[in-house]
Protein backbone atom coordinates (compact mmCIF):
# COMPACT_ATOMS: atom_id res chain seq x y z
CA MET A 1 -51.22 -70.53 -8.88
CA THR A 2 -47.47 -70.47 -9.98
CA MET A 3 -44.65 -71.28 -7.57
CA ALA A 4 -43.55 -67.72 -7.79
CA THR A 5 -46.76 -66.56 -6.79
CA ARG A 6 -47.03 -69.04 -3.71
CA ILE A 7 -43.53 -67.84 -2.79
CA ILE A 8 -44.59 -64.29 -2.92
CA ILE A 9 -47.79 -64.79 -0.73
CA VAL A 10 -45.91 -66.82 1.70
CA ALA A 11 -43.26 -63.97 2.16
CA LEU A 12 -45.87 -61.64 2.64
CA ALA A 13 -47.53 -63.84 5.32
CA ALA A 14 -44.33 -64.27 7.09
CA MET A 15 -43.47 -60.50 6.95
CA LEU A 16 -46.86 -59.70 8.52
CA ALA A 17 -46.65 -62.14 11.22
CA ALA A 18 -43.54 -60.48 12.26
CA PHE A 19 -45.23 -57.16 12.89
CA PRO A 20 -48.09 -56.91 15.42
CA ALA A 21 -51.04 -55.12 13.75
CA ARG A 22 -50.88 -52.74 16.67
CA ALA A 23 -47.98 -51.60 18.60
CA ALA A 24 -47.44 -49.41 21.66
CA THR A 25 -46.76 -46.00 20.46
CA THR A 26 -45.94 -42.59 22.78
CA ILE A 27 -48.45 -39.80 21.45
CA TYR A 28 -48.69 -36.28 22.56
CA ALA A 29 -51.89 -34.60 23.41
CA ALA A 30 -53.02 -32.90 20.08
CA SER A 31 -56.00 -30.28 21.39
CA VAL A 32 -57.33 -28.86 24.31
CA TYR A 33 -61.00 -30.49 25.25
CA SER A 34 -61.91 -28.20 28.10
CA GLU A 35 -60.18 -25.73 30.27
CA SER A 36 -61.02 -23.44 33.48
CA GLY A 37 -58.75 -21.39 35.58
CA VAL A 38 -55.87 -22.14 32.84
CA THR A 39 -53.35 -19.79 31.26
CA ASN A 40 -51.92 -20.75 27.78
CA ALA A 41 -53.74 -24.03 27.60
CA ASN A 42 -52.46 -24.78 24.45
CA ASN A 43 -48.49 -24.69 25.66
CA ALA A 44 -49.41 -28.43 27.10
CA LEU A 45 -49.89 -29.49 23.75
CA PHE A 46 -47.45 -31.79 21.67
CA SER A 47 -43.68 -32.18 22.81
CA ALA A 48 -42.37 -30.42 25.54
CA ASP A 49 -40.54 -26.98 24.33
CA GLY A 50 -40.11 -25.24 27.69
CA SER A 51 -43.57 -23.11 27.30
CA ALA A 52 -45.87 -24.58 29.75
CA ALA A 53 -49.76 -24.25 30.56
CA LEU A 54 -50.18 -22.64 33.94
CA ILE A 55 -52.82 -24.30 35.73
CA ALA A 56 -54.30 -22.10 38.74
CA PRO A 57 -55.36 -23.43 42.25
CA GLY A 58 -58.70 -24.81 41.37
CA GLY A 59 -58.26 -24.95 37.81
CA ASP A 60 -58.83 -27.72 35.80
CA LEU A 61 -57.51 -28.64 32.14
CA VAL A 62 -58.72 -31.73 30.01
CA LEU A 63 -56.50 -32.36 26.74
CA GLN A 64 -57.46 -34.86 24.07
CA PHE A 65 -55.61 -37.20 22.23
CA ALA A 66 -55.87 -38.42 18.40
CA ASN A 67 -55.62 -42.03 19.30
CA PRO A 68 -57.04 -43.61 22.58
CA LEU A 69 -54.20 -44.30 25.32
CA THR A 70 -54.01 -47.61 26.95
CA GLY A 71 -53.11 -45.41 30.45
CA GLN A 72 -49.50 -46.83 30.55
CA SER A 73 -46.70 -44.49 30.67
CA ILE A 74 -48.82 -41.30 30.99
CA ALA A 75 -45.80 -38.69 31.28
CA ALA A 76 -45.56 -34.64 31.50
CA ALA A 77 -43.08 -32.01 32.34
CA LEU A 78 -43.52 -30.16 35.52
CA LEU A 79 -41.58 -26.98 34.91
CA PRO A 80 -39.67 -25.22 38.03
CA LEU A 81 -41.70 -22.76 39.99
CA ALA A 82 -40.39 -18.92 40.23
CA ALA A 83 -40.69 -18.67 44.36
CA SER A 84 -39.05 -21.32 46.67
CA PRO A 85 -40.50 -23.43 48.56
CA ALA A 86 -43.76 -23.79 46.56
CA PHE A 87 -46.25 -26.54 46.03
CA ASN A 88 -49.12 -27.73 43.91
CA ILE A 89 -51.16 -30.51 44.44
CA LEU A 90 -52.35 -32.20 41.16
CA ALA A 91 -54.97 -34.63 40.67
CA VAL A 92 -54.74 -36.74 37.26
CA SER A 93 -57.67 -38.58 35.84
CA ILE A 94 -58.21 -40.36 32.75
CA GLY A 95 -60.99 -40.63 30.61
CA GLU A 96 -63.15 -40.92 27.36
CA VAL A 97 -66.29 -39.41 25.55
CA LEU A 98 -68.82 -42.02 26.12
CA GLY A 99 -72.47 -41.08 24.71
CA GLY A 100 -71.29 -37.67 24.15
CA VAL A 101 -70.31 -37.11 27.69
CA ALA A 102 -66.83 -36.97 29.13
CA THR A 103 -66.37 -39.77 31.54
CA PHE A 104 -63.49 -39.76 33.89
CA SER A 105 -61.66 -42.24 36.17
CA GLY A 106 -60.69 -42.05 39.88
CA GLU A 107 -57.83 -39.43 40.46
CA PHE A 108 -54.27 -40.13 40.83
CA VAL A 109 -53.09 -37.46 43.26
CA LEU A 110 -49.36 -36.20 43.41
CA VAL A 111 -47.35 -33.25 44.82
CA ASP A 112 -45.81 -30.68 42.51
CA MET A 113 -42.49 -29.86 44.70
CA GLY A 114 -41.56 -26.74 42.73
CA ALA A 115 -38.11 -27.88 41.65
CA GLY A 116 -39.01 -29.29 38.20
CA ALA A 117 -39.78 -32.70 37.62
CA ALA A 118 -41.01 -35.20 35.02
CA LEU A 119 -44.39 -36.81 35.74
CA ASN A 120 -44.95 -40.44 35.19
CA ALA A 121 -47.81 -42.65 36.29
CA ASP A 122 -49.49 -45.75 35.17
CA LEU A 123 -53.26 -45.23 34.57
CA SER A 124 -53.96 -48.28 32.69
CA ALA A 125 -56.20 -49.63 35.51
CA LEU A 126 -58.09 -46.46 36.10
CA CYS A 127 -58.64 -46.31 32.16
CA SER A 128 -59.95 -49.74 32.18
CA SER A 129 -62.42 -48.66 34.66
CA VAL A 130 -63.94 -46.04 32.11
CA SER A 131 -63.64 -47.96 28.84
CA GLY A 132 -62.44 -51.12 27.49
CA THR A 133 -60.97 -49.60 24.19
CA GLY A 134 -58.67 -46.99 25.47
CA CYS A 135 -58.94 -43.30 26.92
CA SER A 136 -58.53 -40.01 24.90
CA LEU A 137 -58.81 -37.73 27.67
CA LEU A 138 -56.49 -36.78 30.30
CA ARG A 139 -57.59 -34.35 33.00
CA PHE A 140 -55.27 -32.20 35.47
CA ARG A 141 -56.79 -30.62 38.38
CA ASN A 142 -54.99 -28.31 40.60
CA ALA A 143 -56.43 -29.02 44.15
CA GLY A 144 -54.29 -26.60 45.73
CA SER A 145 -51.02 -24.42 45.75
CA ILE A 146 -48.83 -22.87 48.24
CA ASN A 147 -46.61 -19.85 47.41
CA THR A 148 -47.39 -19.99 43.63
CA ALA A 149 -49.77 -19.00 41.07
CA GLY A 150 -50.38 -22.58 39.61
CA ALA A 151 -48.73 -25.49 38.11
CA LEU A 152 -46.61 -25.26 34.89
CA LEU A 153 -47.50 -28.48 32.84
CA ASP A 154 -45.67 -29.23 29.39
CA GLY A 155 -45.36 -32.01 27.13
CA VAL A 156 -48.10 -34.30 28.22
CA SER A 157 -47.87 -37.68 26.28
CA GLY A 158 -49.26 -41.13 26.79
CA VAL A 159 -48.90 -44.84 25.18
CA SER A 160 -51.41 -45.59 22.56
CA ASN A 161 -52.09 -48.91 20.66
CA ALA A 162 -51.78 -47.02 17.52
CA PRO A 163 -51.74 -48.99 14.09
CA GLU A 164 -48.06 -50.16 13.35
CA PRO A 165 -47.03 -48.29 10.08
CA ALA A 166 -44.74 -51.04 8.71
CA ALA A 167 -47.80 -53.68 9.52
CA TRP A 168 -50.31 -51.54 7.70
CA ALA A 169 -47.93 -51.13 4.62
CA LEU A 170 -47.43 -54.59 4.29
CA LEU A 171 -51.00 -55.29 4.86
CA MET A 172 -51.99 -53.18 1.88
CA LEU A 173 -49.21 -54.76 -0.11
CA GLY A 174 -50.58 -57.98 0.77
CA PHE A 175 -53.95 -56.76 -0.48
CA ALA A 176 -52.68 -55.47 -3.66
CA ALA A 177 -51.05 -58.99 -4.36
CA VAL A 178 -54.14 -60.88 -3.63
CA GLY A 179 -56.31 -58.49 -5.56
CA TRP A 180 -53.79 -58.77 -8.87
CA ARG A 181 -53.93 -62.51 -8.78
CA LEU A 182 -57.51 -62.60 -8.75
CA LYS A 183 -57.54 -60.67 -11.83
CA GLU A 184 -55.06 -62.52 -13.32
CA ARG A 185 -57.01 -65.61 -12.60
CA ARG A 186 -60.39 -64.21 -14.21
CA LYS A 187 -58.20 -63.18 -17.22
CA SER A 188 -56.82 -66.52 -17.71
CA THR A 189 -60.12 -67.87 -17.41
CA ALA A 190 -61.48 -65.74 -19.72
CA ILE A 191 -59.04 -66.39 -22.42
CA ARG A 192 -59.48 -70.31 -22.01
CA ASN A 193 -63.34 -69.82 -22.32
CA LYS A 194 -62.59 -67.90 -25.69
CA ARG A 195 -60.24 -70.27 -27.02
CA ARG A 196 -62.40 -73.53 -26.10
CA PRO A 197 -64.35 -74.49 -29.35
CA ALA A 198 -68.06 -74.62 -29.31
CA LEU A 199 -69.80 -77.70 -29.24
CA ASN A 200 -72.09 -78.17 -32.34
CA VAL A 201 -74.74 -80.59 -31.88
CA ASN A 202 -76.38 -82.01 -35.10
CA THR A 203 -80.04 -82.01 -34.42
CA ALA A 204 -81.04 -84.00 -37.37
CA ALA A 205 -79.52 -87.17 -36.01
CA PHE A 206 -81.93 -87.10 -33.18
CA ALA A 207 -84.91 -86.41 -35.53
């Protein structure tokens, strides 16, 4: 192995070490897993844009994420209600599809005061009670409402241990460098074998 190749490999290793293979990344809900008593359920997906899903009293909305969440930094926008005073009691739980069945944690209960607010919660302990590899489902249940048609939910997000793009790019580069080096080594070995003179044995000398 040449000195230049060694320097490249060491540099790649150092760069890979500088980036975690997985990093905490905020992601938004990607799809509606199930819903009941909800109007415009898809409005709760992706980043907040002022168009909310309406979860009626007794309604239930389950959102699914493309990557499992850690349960940390669960966030959403609760839009202002038309009437005042008005309240919603929301029960939030986190879960995962296990053996084809959606399984959820215990519930985190909060009160939507109707003035509009940002929901922030740490459900990491609840997620751990369901799955050791993360939770891709978030459930919002409207346990009750006063003087309103329901809760207005928008821009639901959470933290996922998604692959860090920079780390993956460096990893692929490292694999390419190793593959190139192995290919060059095989090529060099083949050339040396081709140039090596054949050993001629005079069998008559042993007769």
